[in-house]
Amino acid sequence: MIQRKTQVYIGCMAALVSVFGLYNFAIYTNDDSSYEVRLSPAALKGQELWQQNNCFSCHQLYGLGGYLGPDLTNVFSAENKGPEYIKAFLNSGVKTMPKFHFSEAEKEALVTFLKEVDQSGYYPNYNATIKSNGWVDIEYKDEK
């Protein structure tokens, strides 16, 4: 009797692992999941600086990151903000933000990175829809 229960248990576990494997194969090999990198070389340099200086520990992009500083997804196009606003904070720092000593080229790269992130979409995106396979369709700024 115990041997029969063990066989049933092993069979159920094998079935679950198989279903899980097939599901992951279907999700991760689907063409909908491919993503094209849209960042320019200058923006990639800005992203590298963003990561090297651990900006995600305080700031968010698309709501992901730290909560000490504001979400910077759309800071480039926000009213009363833009490239000079971004550079001013990078130069002087405020309250809990440290004063960075970036060169002009580094500041331009960070501004370019934030500009291209801003162009990629809206946050929060109220026109996003979740598809049945778990992927999310979002409204991009260049699709207007």
N, C-alpha and C. Protein backbone atom coordinates (compact mmCIF):
# COMPACT_ATOMS: atom_id res chain seq x y z
N MET A 1 0.82 -1.19 0.00
CA MET A 1 0.00 0.00 0.00
C MET A 1 0.87 1.26 0.00
N ILE A 2 1.91 1.26 0.84
CA ILE A 2 2.79 2.42 0.90
C ILE A 2 3.53 2.60 -0.41
N GLN A 3 3.92 1.47 -1.02
CA GLN A 3 4.63 1.53 -2.29
C GLN A 3 3.72 2.14 -3.37
N ARG A 4 2.45 1.82 -3.37
CA ARG A 4 1.50 2.36 -4.35
C ARG A 4 1.35 3.87 -4.17
N LYS A 5 1.26 4.34 -2.92
CA LYS A 5 1.16 5.77 -2.65
C LYS A 5 2.41 6.50 -3.13
N THR A 6 3.55 5.89 -2.94
CA THR A 6 4.81 6.49 -3.38
C THR A 6 4.83 6.61 -4.90
N GLN A 7 4.36 5.58 -5.59
CA GLN A 7 4.32 5.62 -7.05
C GLN A 7 3.37 6.71 -7.55
N VAL A 8 2.23 6.86 -6.92
CA VAL A 8 1.26 7.90 -7.28
C VAL A 8 1.87 9.28 -7.04
N TYR A 9 2.53 9.43 -5.90
CA TYR A 9 3.18 10.70 -5.55
C TYR A 9 4.24 11.06 -6.59
N ILE A 10 5.09 10.12 -6.94
CA ILE A 10 6.15 10.36 -7.92
C ILE A 10 5.54 10.69 -9.28
N GLY A 11 4.48 9.98 -9.65
CA GLY A 11 3.80 10.25 -10.92
C GLY A 11 3.21 11.65 -10.96
N CYS A 12 2.58 12.07 -9.88
CA CYS A 12 2.01 13.43 -9.81
C CYS A 12 3.10 14.49 -9.89
N MET A 13 4.18 14.27 -9.18
CA MET A 13 5.30 15.23 -9.21
C MET A 13 5.90 15.32 -10.62
N ALA A 14 6.05 14.18 -11.29
CA ALA A 14 6.58 14.17 -12.66
C ALA A 14 5.64 14.92 -13.59
N ALA A 15 4.34 14.74 -13.41
CA ALA A 15 3.36 15.45 -14.25
C ALA A 15 3.44 16.96 -14.01
N LEU A 16 3.53 17.37 -12.75
CA LEU A 16 3.63 18.80 -12.44
C LEU A 16 4.90 19.43 -13.02
N VAL A 17 6.01 18.73 -12.88
CA VAL A 17 7.27 19.24 -13.43
C VAL A 17 7.18 19.35 -14.95
N SER A 18 6.55 18.37 -15.57
CA SER A 18 6.40 18.39 -17.03
C SER A 18 5.53 19.57 -17.48
N VAL A 19 4.41 19.77 -16.81
CA VAL A 19 3.52 20.89 -17.15
C VAL A 19 4.25 22.22 -16.94
N PHE A 20 4.96 22.34 -15.84
CA PHE A 20 5.73 23.55 -15.56
C PHE A 20 6.76 23.81 -16.66
N GLY A 21 7.47 22.76 -17.06
CA GLY A 21 8.47 22.89 -18.11
C GLY A 21 7.86 23.30 -19.44
N LEU A 22 6.74 22.68 -19.81
CA LEU A 22 6.07 23.04 -21.06
C LEU A 22 5.54 24.47 -21.03
N TYR A 23 4.98 24.88 -19.90
CA TYR A 23 4.48 26.24 -19.76
C TYR A 23 5.62 27.25 -19.92
N ASN A 24 6.73 27.02 -19.26
CA ASN A 24 7.87 27.94 -19.38
C ASN A 24 8.42 27.96 -20.79
N PHE A 25 8.47 26.82 -21.43
CA PHE A 25 8.94 26.77 -22.81
C PHE A 25 8.03 27.62 -23.70
N ALA A 26 6.73 27.47 -23.53
CA ALA A 26 5.77 28.23 -24.35
C ALA A 26 5.88 29.73 -24.10
N ILE A 27 6.04 30.12 -22.85
CA ILE A 27 6.11 31.55 -22.51
C ILE A 27 7.42 32.17 -22.99
N TYR A 28 8.54 31.54 -22.72
CA TYR A 28 9.84 32.15 -22.98
C TYR A 28 10.37 31.95 -24.39
N THR A 29 9.70 31.16 -25.21
CA THR A 29 10.11 31.04 -26.61
C THR A 29 9.12 31.72 -27.53
N ASN A 30 8.13 32.38 -26.98
CA ASN A 30 7.12 33.09 -27.74
C ASN A 30 7.74 34.34 -28.35
N ASP A 31 7.42 34.65 -29.60
CA ASP A 31 7.96 35.83 -30.27
C ASP A 31 7.53 37.13 -29.59
N ASP A 32 6.39 37.12 -28.90
CA ASP A 32 5.92 38.31 -28.20
C ASP A 32 6.87 38.74 -27.10
N SER A 33 7.70 37.82 -26.62
CA SER A 33 8.57 38.13 -25.49
C SER A 33 9.89 38.76 -25.92
N SER A 34 10.14 38.86 -27.22
CA SER A 34 11.41 39.44 -27.66
C SER A 34 11.39 40.94 -27.43
N TYR A 35 12.52 41.48 -27.08
CA TYR A 35 12.62 42.89 -26.79
C TYR A 35 13.83 43.46 -27.50
N GLU A 36 13.61 44.50 -28.24
CA GLU A 36 14.69 45.15 -28.96
C GLU A 36 15.24 46.30 -28.13
N VAL A 37 16.55 46.35 -27.97
CA VAL A 37 17.17 47.45 -27.23
C VAL A 37 17.07 48.70 -28.08
N ARG A 38 16.47 49.74 -27.53
CA ARG A 38 16.24 50.96 -28.28
C ARG A 38 17.12 52.12 -27.80
N LEU A 39 18.08 51.86 -26.96
CA LEU A 39 18.91 52.94 -26.43
C LEU A 39 20.07 53.24 -27.37
N SER A 40 20.35 54.53 -27.53
CA SER A 40 21.48 54.96 -28.33
C SER A 40 22.78 54.69 -27.56
N PRO A 41 23.93 54.76 -28.23
CA PRO A 41 25.21 54.57 -27.50
C PRO A 41 25.38 55.55 -26.34
N ALA A 42 24.97 56.80 -26.53
CA ALA A 42 25.08 57.79 -25.44
C ALA A 42 24.18 57.41 -24.27
N ALA A 43 22.97 56.94 -24.57
CA ALA A 43 22.05 56.52 -23.51
C ALA A 43 22.56 55.27 -22.80
N LEU A 44 23.20 54.38 -23.54
CA LEU A 44 23.78 53.19 -22.91
C LEU A 44 24.90 53.58 -21.94
N LYS A 45 25.67 54.61 -22.29
CA LYS A 45 26.71 55.13 -21.38
C LYS A 45 26.04 55.71 -20.13
N GLY A 46 24.92 56.43 -20.33
CA GLY A 46 24.17 56.97 -19.19
C GLY A 46 23.61 55.87 -18.31
N GLN A 47 23.13 54.80 -18.93
CA GLN A 47 22.63 53.67 -18.15
C GLN A 47 23.75 53.03 -17.35
N GLU A 48 24.91 52.94 -17.94
CA GLU A 48 26.08 52.39 -17.23
C GLU A 48 26.42 53.25 -16.02
N LEU A 49 26.40 54.56 -16.18
CA LEU A 49 26.65 55.47 -15.05
C LEU A 49 25.57 55.32 -13.98
N TRP A 50 24.31 55.20 -14.42
CA TRP A 50 23.18 55.00 -13.52
C TRP A 50 23.42 53.77 -12.64
N GLN A 51 23.88 52.71 -13.27
CA GLN A 51 24.11 51.46 -12.54
C GLN A 51 25.36 51.55 -11.67
N GLN A 52 26.45 52.14 -12.18
CA GLN A 52 27.69 52.24 -11.41
C GLN A 52 27.51 53.08 -10.16
N ASN A 53 26.67 54.10 -10.24
CA ASN A 53 26.45 54.98 -9.09
C ASN A 53 25.26 54.56 -8.24
N ASN A 54 24.70 53.39 -8.56
CA ASN A 54 23.63 52.78 -7.77
C ASN A 54 22.43 53.70 -7.60
N CYS A 55 22.04 54.37 -8.67
CA CYS A 55 20.90 55.29 -8.62
C CYS A 55 19.60 54.57 -8.28
N PHE A 56 19.52 53.27 -8.63
CA PHE A 56 18.32 52.49 -8.32
C PHE A 56 18.11 52.31 -6.82
N SER A 57 19.13 52.54 -6.02
CA SER A 57 18.93 52.37 -4.59
C SER A 57 18.01 53.44 -4.02
N CYS A 58 17.92 54.59 -4.69
CA CYS A 58 17.06 55.67 -4.21
C CYS A 58 15.93 56.01 -5.18
N HIS A 59 16.18 55.90 -6.48
CA HIS A 59 15.21 56.31 -7.49
C HIS A 59 14.60 55.11 -8.20
N GLN A 60 13.45 55.36 -8.83
CA GLN A 60 12.79 54.32 -9.60
C GLN A 60 12.71 54.73 -11.06
N LEU A 61 12.62 53.71 -11.92
CA LEU A 61 12.21 53.85 -13.31
C LEU A 61 11.05 52.89 -13.47
N TYR A 62 9.94 53.36 -13.96
CA TYR A 62 8.72 52.56 -14.09
C TYR A 62 8.31 51.94 -12.76
N GLY A 63 8.54 52.66 -11.66
CA GLY A 63 8.11 52.20 -10.35
C GLY A 63 9.01 51.17 -9.70
N LEU A 64 10.11 50.82 -10.35
CA LEU A 64 11.02 49.82 -9.80
C LEU A 64 12.29 50.49 -9.32
N GLY A 65 12.66 50.25 -8.09
CA GLY A 65 13.87 50.84 -7.51
C GLY A 65 13.61 51.26 -6.08
N GLY A 66 14.44 52.17 -5.59
CA GLY A 66 14.32 52.63 -4.22
C GLY A 66 13.21 53.65 -4.06
N TYR A 67 12.92 54.00 -2.81
CA TYR A 67 11.83 54.92 -2.53
C TYR A 67 12.27 56.18 -1.80
N LEU A 68 13.58 56.39 -1.69
CA LEU A 68 14.06 57.59 -1.03
C LEU A 68 13.90 58.80 -1.93
N GLY A 69 14.15 58.62 -3.22
CA GLY A 69 14.01 59.70 -4.20
C GLY A 69 12.81 59.46 -5.09
N PRO A 70 12.50 60.43 -5.95
CA PRO A 70 11.32 60.30 -6.81
C PRO A 70 11.54 59.35 -7.98
N ASP A 71 10.44 58.92 -8.57
CA ASP A 71 10.48 58.14 -9.81
C ASP A 71 10.91 59.09 -10.93
N LEU A 72 11.90 58.67 -11.71
CA LEU A 72 12.46 59.53 -12.76
C LEU A 72 12.08 59.09 -14.17
N THR A 73 11.07 58.25 -14.31
CA THR A 73 10.68 57.74 -15.62
C THR A 73 10.38 58.88 -16.59
N ASN A 74 9.60 59.85 -16.18
CA ASN A 74 9.19 60.93 -17.07
C ASN A 74 9.70 62.29 -16.62
N VAL A 75 10.84 62.34 -15.94
CA VAL A 75 11.38 63.60 -15.45
C VAL A 75 11.80 64.51 -16.60
N PHE A 76 12.24 63.95 -17.71
CA PHE A 76 12.71 64.78 -18.82
C PHE A 76 11.59 65.61 -19.42
N SER A 77 10.38 65.04 -19.54
CA SER A 77 9.27 65.76 -20.17
C SER A 77 8.31 66.39 -19.18
N ALA A 78 8.56 66.21 -17.89
CA ALA A 78 7.65 66.77 -16.89
C ALA A 78 7.68 68.29 -16.93
N GLU A 79 6.53 68.87 -16.64
CA GLU A 79 6.42 70.34 -16.64
C GLU A 79 7.39 70.94 -15.62
N ASN A 80 8.06 72.00 -16.00
CA ASN A 80 9.06 72.71 -15.18
C ASN A 80 10.30 71.87 -14.88
N LYS A 81 10.53 70.84 -15.67
CA LYS A 81 11.72 70.01 -15.50
C LYS A 81 12.35 69.84 -16.87
N GLY A 82 13.36 69.03 -16.98
CA GLY A 82 14.02 68.82 -18.26
C GLY A 82 15.51 68.68 -18.05
N PRO A 83 16.30 68.85 -19.12
CA PRO A 83 17.74 68.58 -19.02
C PRO A 83 18.47 69.46 -18.01
N GLU A 84 18.17 70.73 -17.97
CA GLU A 84 18.87 71.63 -17.03
C GLU A 84 18.51 71.31 -15.58
N TYR A 85 17.27 70.95 -15.36
CA TYR A 85 16.81 70.54 -14.03
C TYR A 85 17.58 69.30 -13.57
N ILE A 86 17.70 68.32 -14.48
CA ILE A 86 18.41 67.08 -14.16
C ILE A 86 19.87 67.37 -13.84
N LYS A 87 20.52 68.20 -14.67
CA LYS A 87 21.94 68.53 -14.47
C LYS A 87 22.14 69.28 -13.15
N ALA A 88 21.21 70.15 -12.79
CA ALA A 88 21.34 70.91 -11.54
C ALA A 88 21.37 69.97 -10.34
N PHE A 89 20.51 68.96 -10.33
CA PHE A 89 20.51 68.03 -9.21
C PHE A 89 21.76 67.16 -9.20
N LEU A 90 22.25 66.81 -10.38
CA LEU A 90 23.48 66.01 -10.45
C LEU A 90 24.67 66.81 -9.90
N ASN A 91 24.67 68.12 -10.16
CA ASN A 91 25.77 68.97 -9.71
C ASN A 91 25.74 69.26 -8.22
N SER A 92 24.56 69.61 -7.72
CA SER A 92 24.50 70.13 -6.36
C SER A 92 24.03 69.13 -5.32
N GLY A 93 23.20 68.19 -5.72
CA GLY A 93 22.62 67.30 -4.73
C GLY A 93 21.67 68.08 -3.84
N VAL A 94 20.74 67.41 -3.22
CA VAL A 94 19.78 68.06 -2.32
C VAL A 94 19.46 67.09 -1.19
N LYS A 95 19.21 67.62 -0.03
CA LYS A 95 18.82 66.83 1.14
C LYS A 95 19.63 65.53 1.23
N THR A 96 18.99 64.42 0.89
CA THR A 96 19.66 63.13 1.03
C THR A 96 20.41 62.68 -0.22
N MET A 97 20.30 63.44 -1.31
CA MET A 97 21.00 63.06 -2.53
C MET A 97 22.43 63.59 -2.47
N PRO A 98 23.40 62.71 -2.69
CA PRO A 98 24.80 63.17 -2.62
C PRO A 98 25.15 64.08 -3.79
N LYS A 99 26.18 64.86 -3.59
CA LYS A 99 26.69 65.73 -4.65
C LYS A 99 27.66 64.90 -5.49
N PHE A 100 27.30 64.67 -6.74
CA PHE A 100 28.16 63.91 -7.63
C PHE A 100 29.09 64.86 -8.36
N HIS A 101 30.22 64.37 -8.75
CA HIS A 101 31.19 65.18 -9.49
C HIS A 101 31.33 64.62 -10.90
N PHE A 102 30.22 64.67 -11.64
CA PHE A 102 30.23 64.16 -13.00
C PHE A 102 30.83 65.19 -13.95
N SER A 103 31.51 64.70 -14.98
CA SER A 103 31.99 65.59 -16.04
C SER A 103 30.78 65.99 -16.90
N GLU A 104 30.97 66.98 -17.77
CA GLU A 104 29.89 67.40 -18.66
C GLU A 104 29.43 66.24 -19.54
N ALA A 105 30.38 65.45 -20.03
CA ALA A 105 30.04 64.31 -20.89
C ALA A 105 29.20 63.29 -20.12
N GLU A 106 29.54 63.06 -18.86
CA GLU A 106 28.78 62.11 -18.04
C GLU A 106 27.38 62.63 -17.75
N LYS A 107 27.27 63.93 -17.47
CA LYS A 107 25.94 64.51 -17.24
C LYS A 107 25.09 64.42 -18.50
N GLU A 108 25.69 64.69 -19.65
CA GLU A 108 24.96 64.58 -20.92
C GLU A 108 24.50 63.14 -21.16
N ALA A 109 25.34 62.18 -20.83
CA ALA A 109 24.99 60.77 -21.01
C ALA A 109 23.81 60.39 -20.10
N LEU A 110 23.82 60.84 -18.86
CA LEU A 110 22.72 60.56 -17.94
C LEU A 110 21.43 61.24 -18.40
N VAL A 111 21.54 62.47 -18.87
CA VAL A 111 20.36 63.18 -19.39
C VAL A 111 19.82 62.44 -20.61
N THR A 112 20.70 61.99 -21.50
CA THR A 112 20.27 61.24 -22.69
C THR A 112 19.58 59.94 -22.28
N PHE A 113 20.13 59.26 -21.30
CA PHE A 113 19.51 58.03 -20.80
C PHE A 113 18.10 58.32 -20.28
N LEU A 114 17.96 59.35 -19.44
CA LEU A 114 16.65 59.68 -18.88
C LEU A 114 15.69 60.17 -19.97
N LYS A 115 16.22 60.85 -20.98
CA LYS A 115 15.38 61.31 -22.10
C LYS A 115 14.82 60.11 -22.86
N GLU A 116 15.67 59.12 -23.14
CA GLU A 116 15.22 57.97 -23.91
C GLU A 116 14.31 57.06 -23.09
N VAL A 117 14.52 56.99 -21.78
CA VAL A 117 13.58 56.27 -20.91
C VAL A 117 12.23 56.97 -20.95
N ASP A 118 12.26 58.29 -20.87
CA ASP A 118 11.05 59.09 -20.90
C ASP A 118 10.27 58.86 -22.20
N GLN A 119 10.97 58.77 -23.32
CA GLN A 119 10.32 58.58 -24.61
C GLN A 119 9.72 57.19 -24.77
N SER A 120 10.15 56.24 -23.94
CA SER A 120 9.69 54.86 -24.10
C SER A 120 8.28 54.64 -23.59
N GLY A 121 7.77 55.52 -22.76
CA GLY A 121 6.41 55.32 -22.28
C GLY A 121 6.06 56.21 -21.11
N TYR A 122 4.94 55.90 -20.51
CA TYR A 122 4.41 56.67 -19.40
C TYR A 122 4.47 55.86 -18.12
N TYR A 123 4.70 56.54 -17.00
CA TYR A 123 4.55 55.87 -15.72
C TYR A 123 3.86 56.83 -14.77
N PRO A 124 2.80 56.43 -14.12
CA PRO A 124 2.11 55.15 -14.31
C PRO A 124 1.36 55.14 -15.63
N ASN A 125 1.27 53.99 -16.25
CA ASN A 125 0.63 53.83 -17.55
C ASN A 125 -0.78 53.30 -17.33
N TYR A 126 -1.75 54.19 -17.41
CA TYR A 126 -3.13 53.81 -17.13
C TYR A 126 -3.78 53.08 -18.31
N ASN A 127 -3.12 53.09 -19.46
CA ASN A 127 -3.67 52.41 -20.63
C ASN A 127 -3.01 51.07 -20.89
N ALA A 128 -2.41 50.46 -19.89
CA ALA A 128 -1.77 49.15 -20.03
C ALA A 128 -2.82 48.06 -19.88
N THR A 129 -2.66 46.99 -20.66
CA THR A 129 -3.56 45.85 -20.54
C THR A 129 -2.73 44.58 -20.36
N ILE A 130 -3.19 43.72 -19.50
CA ILE A 130 -2.50 42.46 -19.24
C ILE A 130 -3.13 41.39 -20.13
N LYS A 131 -2.28 40.73 -20.93
CA LYS A 131 -2.76 39.68 -21.82
C LYS A 131 -2.88 38.36 -21.04
N SER A 132 -3.59 37.42 -21.62
CA SER A 132 -3.85 36.14 -20.94
C SER A 132 -2.57 35.34 -20.68
N ASN A 133 -1.50 35.59 -21.46
CA ASN A 133 -0.25 34.85 -21.24
C ASN A 133 0.66 35.54 -20.23
N GLY A 134 0.21 36.64 -19.65
CA GLY A 134 0.97 37.31 -18.61
C GLY A 134 1.74 38.53 -19.10
N TRP A 135 1.92 38.70 -20.40
CA TRP A 135 2.63 39.86 -20.92
C TRP A 135 1.72 41.08 -20.87
N VAL A 136 2.31 42.26 -20.81
CA VAL A 136 1.55 43.49 -20.68
C VAL A 136 1.74 44.33 -21.94
N ASP A 137 0.63 44.78 -22.53
CA ASP A 137 0.68 45.73 -23.64
C ASP A 137 0.60 47.12 -23.03
N ILE A 138 1.58 47.97 -23.36
CA ILE A 138 1.59 49.32 -22.82
C ILE A 138 1.49 50.34 -23.94
N GLU A 139 1.11 51.53 -23.58
CA GLU A 139 1.04 52.63 -24.54
C GLU A 139 2.39 53.32 -24.56
N TYR A 140 2.99 53.35 -25.74
CA TYR A 140 4.26 54.03 -25.90
C TYR A 140 4.02 55.47 -26.34
N LYS A 141 4.95 56.34 -26.04
CA LYS A 141 4.79 57.74 -26.41
C LYS A 141 4.81 57.94 -27.91
N ASP A 142 5.58 57.14 -28.64
CA ASP A 142 5.69 57.33 -30.08
C ASP A 142 4.56 56.68 -30.85
N GLU A 143 3.56 56.10 -30.18
CA GLU A 143 2.42 55.47 -30.84
C GLU A 143 1.20 56.38 -30.88
N LYS A 144 1.30 57.59 -30.42
CA LYS A 144 0.15 58.50 -30.36
C LYS A 144 -0.38 58.80 -31.73
